[in-house]
N, C-alpha and C. Protein backbone atom coordinates (compact mmCIF):
# COMPACT_ATOMS: atom_id res chain seq x y z
N UNK A 1 106.26 96.96 144.49
CA UNK A 1 105.82 95.59 144.67
C UNK A 1 104.44 95.40 144.06
N UNK A 2 103.55 96.37 144.27
CA UNK A 2 102.19 96.26 143.73
C UNK A 2 102.20 96.31 142.21
N UNK A 3 103.15 97.06 141.65
CA UNK A 3 103.25 97.15 140.19
C UNK A 3 103.60 95.81 139.58
N UNK A 4 104.44 95.05 140.23
CA UNK A 4 104.84 93.75 139.71
C UNK A 4 103.66 92.78 139.68
N UNK A 5 102.83 92.80 140.70
CA UNK A 5 101.67 91.90 140.70
C UNK A 5 100.64 92.33 139.66
N UNK A 6 100.50 93.62 139.41
CA UNK A 6 99.58 94.10 138.38
C UNK A 6 100.04 93.63 137.00
N UNK A 7 101.32 93.66 136.75
CA UNK A 7 101.84 93.23 135.46
C UNK A 7 101.64 91.73 135.25
N UNK A 8 101.76 90.97 136.30
CA UNK A 8 101.62 89.53 136.19
C UNK A 8 100.18 89.11 135.94
N UNK A 9 99.22 89.89 136.45
CA UNK A 9 97.82 89.50 136.30
C UNK A 9 97.19 90.02 135.01
N UNK A 10 97.87 90.88 134.29
CA UNK A 10 97.31 91.40 133.04
C UNK A 10 97.26 90.30 132.00
N UNK A 11 96.20 90.31 131.23
CA UNK A 11 96.03 89.33 130.17
C UNK A 11 96.67 89.88 128.91
N UNK A 12 97.52 89.09 128.31
CA UNK A 12 98.19 89.51 127.08
C UNK A 12 97.31 89.17 125.88
N UNK A 13 97.29 90.04 124.88
CA UNK A 13 96.50 89.73 123.68
C UNK A 13 97.10 88.54 122.93
N UNK A 14 96.23 87.78 122.32
CA UNK A 14 96.68 86.59 121.58
C UNK A 14 97.50 87.01 120.37
N UNK A 15 98.53 86.28 120.10
CA UNK A 15 99.36 86.57 118.93
C UNK A 15 98.72 85.96 117.69
N UNK A 16 98.78 86.71 116.60
CA UNK A 16 98.26 86.20 115.34
C UNK A 16 99.40 85.65 114.51
N UNK A 17 99.08 84.71 113.66
CA UNK A 17 100.06 84.11 112.78
C UNK A 17 100.30 85.04 111.60
N UNK A 18 101.54 85.40 111.35
CA UNK A 18 101.89 86.24 110.21
C UNK A 18 102.23 85.31 109.04
N UNK A 19 101.29 85.12 108.15
CA UNK A 19 101.44 84.16 107.06
C UNK A 19 102.54 84.59 106.10
N UNK A 20 102.63 85.88 105.80
CA UNK A 20 103.64 86.37 104.87
C UNK A 20 105.04 86.06 105.39
N UNK A 21 105.29 86.34 106.65
CA UNK A 21 106.60 86.07 107.23
C UNK A 21 106.88 84.57 107.27
N UNK A 22 105.87 83.77 107.54
CA UNK A 22 106.03 82.32 107.53
C UNK A 22 106.44 81.82 106.14
N UNK A 23 105.77 82.31 105.11
CA UNK A 23 106.09 81.88 103.74
C UNK A 23 107.48 82.33 103.31
N UNK A 24 107.85 83.55 103.66
CA UNK A 24 109.19 84.04 103.33
C UNK A 24 110.25 83.22 104.06
N UNK A 25 109.99 82.87 105.31
CA UNK A 25 110.93 82.03 106.07
C UNK A 25 111.08 80.65 105.46
N UNK A 26 109.97 80.05 105.03
CA UNK A 26 110.04 78.74 104.38
C UNK A 26 110.78 78.82 103.04
N UNK A 27 110.55 79.88 102.30
CA UNK A 27 111.26 80.06 101.03
C UNK A 27 112.76 80.22 101.27
N UNK A 28 113.11 80.94 102.32
CA UNK A 28 114.53 81.12 102.66
C UNK A 28 115.17 79.80 103.06
N UNK A 29 114.45 79.00 103.83
CA UNK A 29 114.97 77.68 104.20
C UNK A 29 115.15 76.80 102.97
N UNK A 30 114.21 76.85 102.05
CA UNK A 30 114.34 76.07 100.82
C UNK A 30 115.52 76.51 99.98
N UNK A 31 115.71 77.82 99.86
CA UNK A 31 116.84 78.33 99.10
C UNK A 31 118.16 77.95 99.77
N UNK A 32 118.19 78.00 101.09
CA UNK A 32 119.41 77.62 101.81
C UNK A 32 119.72 76.14 101.61
N UNK A 33 118.70 75.30 101.68
CA UNK A 33 118.91 73.87 101.44
C UNK A 33 119.38 73.59 100.03
N UNK A 34 118.85 74.32 99.06
CA UNK A 34 119.26 74.15 97.67
C UNK A 34 120.73 74.51 97.48
N UNK A 35 121.14 75.61 98.12
CA UNK A 35 122.53 76.05 98.00
C UNK A 35 123.46 75.09 98.74
N UNK A 36 123.05 74.63 99.92
CA UNK A 36 123.91 73.73 100.69
C UNK A 36 124.11 72.38 100.01
N UNK A 37 123.14 71.94 99.21
CA UNK A 37 123.28 70.66 98.52
C UNK A 37 123.85 70.84 97.11
N UNK A 38 124.32 72.02 96.79
CA UNK A 38 124.88 72.33 95.46
C UNK A 38 123.88 72.07 94.35
N UNK A 39 122.63 72.26 94.63
CA UNK A 39 121.60 72.12 93.62
C UNK A 39 121.23 70.69 93.28
N UNK A 40 121.66 69.75 94.07
CA UNK A 40 121.34 68.34 93.82
C UNK A 40 119.96 68.04 94.39
N UNK A 41 118.96 68.11 93.55
CA UNK A 41 117.60 67.83 93.99
C UNK A 41 117.27 66.35 93.79
N UNK A 42 116.57 65.75 94.72
CA UNK A 42 116.22 64.33 94.57
C UNK A 42 115.13 64.09 93.53
N UNK A 43 114.50 65.15 93.02
CA UNK A 43 113.43 64.99 92.05
C UNK A 43 113.97 65.12 90.63
N UNK A 44 114.01 64.03 89.88
CA UNK A 44 114.50 64.14 88.51
C UNK A 44 113.49 64.88 87.64
N UNK A 45 113.97 65.73 86.79
CA UNK A 45 113.10 66.45 85.88
C UNK A 45 112.45 67.69 86.50
N UNK A 46 112.78 68.03 87.74
CA UNK A 46 112.21 69.22 88.38
C UNK A 46 113.20 70.36 88.24
N UNK A 47 112.76 71.43 87.61
CA UNK A 47 113.61 72.60 87.43
C UNK A 47 113.12 73.70 88.36
N UNK A 48 113.91 74.12 89.35
CA UNK A 48 113.45 75.12 90.32
C UNK A 48 113.18 76.48 89.69
N UNK A 49 113.66 76.71 88.48
CA UNK A 49 113.38 77.99 87.83
C UNK A 49 111.89 78.14 87.54
N UNK A 50 111.19 77.02 87.32
CA UNK A 50 109.75 77.08 87.10
C UNK A 50 109.04 77.50 88.37
N UNK A 51 109.56 77.10 89.51
CA UNK A 51 108.98 77.49 90.78
C UNK A 51 109.12 79.00 90.99
N UNK A 52 110.28 79.54 90.64
CA UNK A 52 110.49 80.98 90.77
C UNK A 52 109.59 81.74 89.81
N UNK A 53 109.47 81.25 88.59
CA UNK A 53 108.59 81.90 87.61
C UNK A 53 107.13 81.84 88.07
N UNK A 54 106.71 80.72 88.60
CA UNK A 54 105.34 80.59 89.10
C UNK A 54 105.07 81.52 90.27
N UNK A 55 106.05 81.65 91.14
CA UNK A 55 105.89 82.57 92.28
C UNK A 55 105.79 84.01 91.80
N UNK A 56 106.56 84.37 90.78
CA UNK A 56 106.50 85.73 90.24
C UNK A 56 105.14 86.00 89.60
N UNK A 57 104.60 85.02 88.90
CA UNK A 57 103.27 85.18 88.30
C UNK A 57 102.21 85.31 89.39
N UNK A 58 102.31 84.50 90.44
CA UNK A 58 101.36 84.56 91.54
C UNK A 58 101.39 85.92 92.22
N UNK A 59 102.57 86.44 92.49
CA UNK A 59 102.69 87.75 93.12
C UNK A 59 102.10 88.83 92.22
N UNK A 60 102.36 88.73 90.92
CA UNK A 60 101.79 89.69 89.98
C UNK A 60 100.28 89.66 89.97
N UNK A 61 99.70 88.47 89.99
CA UNK A 61 98.24 88.36 90.01
C UNK A 61 97.65 88.89 91.32
N UNK A 62 98.33 88.63 92.43
CA UNK A 62 97.86 89.16 93.70
C UNK A 62 97.91 90.69 93.72
N UNK A 63 98.97 91.26 93.18
CA UNK A 63 99.07 92.72 93.12
C UNK A 63 98.00 93.31 92.20
N UNK A 64 97.74 92.64 91.09
CA UNK A 64 96.70 93.09 90.18
C UNK A 64 95.33 93.04 90.84
N UNK A 65 95.06 91.95 91.55
CA UNK A 65 93.79 91.84 92.27
C UNK A 65 93.65 92.88 93.37
N UNK A 66 94.74 93.18 94.04
CA UNK A 66 94.70 94.19 95.11
C UNK A 66 94.46 95.58 94.55
N UNK A 67 94.88 95.82 93.32
CA UNK A 67 94.68 97.15 92.73
C UNK A 67 93.20 97.41 92.42
N UNK A 68 92.40 96.36 92.26
CA UNK A 68 90.98 96.52 92.00
C UNK A 68 90.15 96.64 93.27
N UNK A 69 90.80 96.49 94.41
CA UNK A 69 90.09 96.57 95.68
C UNK A 69 89.58 97.99 95.91
N UNK A 70 88.36 98.12 96.46
CA UNK A 70 87.78 99.43 96.70
C UNK A 70 88.12 99.98 98.08
N UNK A 71 88.79 99.18 98.91
CA UNK A 71 89.19 99.65 100.23
C UNK A 71 90.37 100.59 100.09
N UNK A 72 90.37 101.64 100.91
CA UNK A 72 91.51 102.58 100.88
C UNK A 72 91.92 102.91 102.27
């Protein structure tokens, strides 16, 4: 009985937001919406392949910047 009250009074550490997981989840939702609508985007002249190419360039630049970091 005493153990149960001790567990209830303990303070839990605050949860941090995992930005990487949030972005991957949003990208997955976007890809799912694109597939469910058979690729019918409401934006004329927008090619989603440019978005994928831009994301690949961004990831490459982030990896390049991380390689110059002096932290180990």
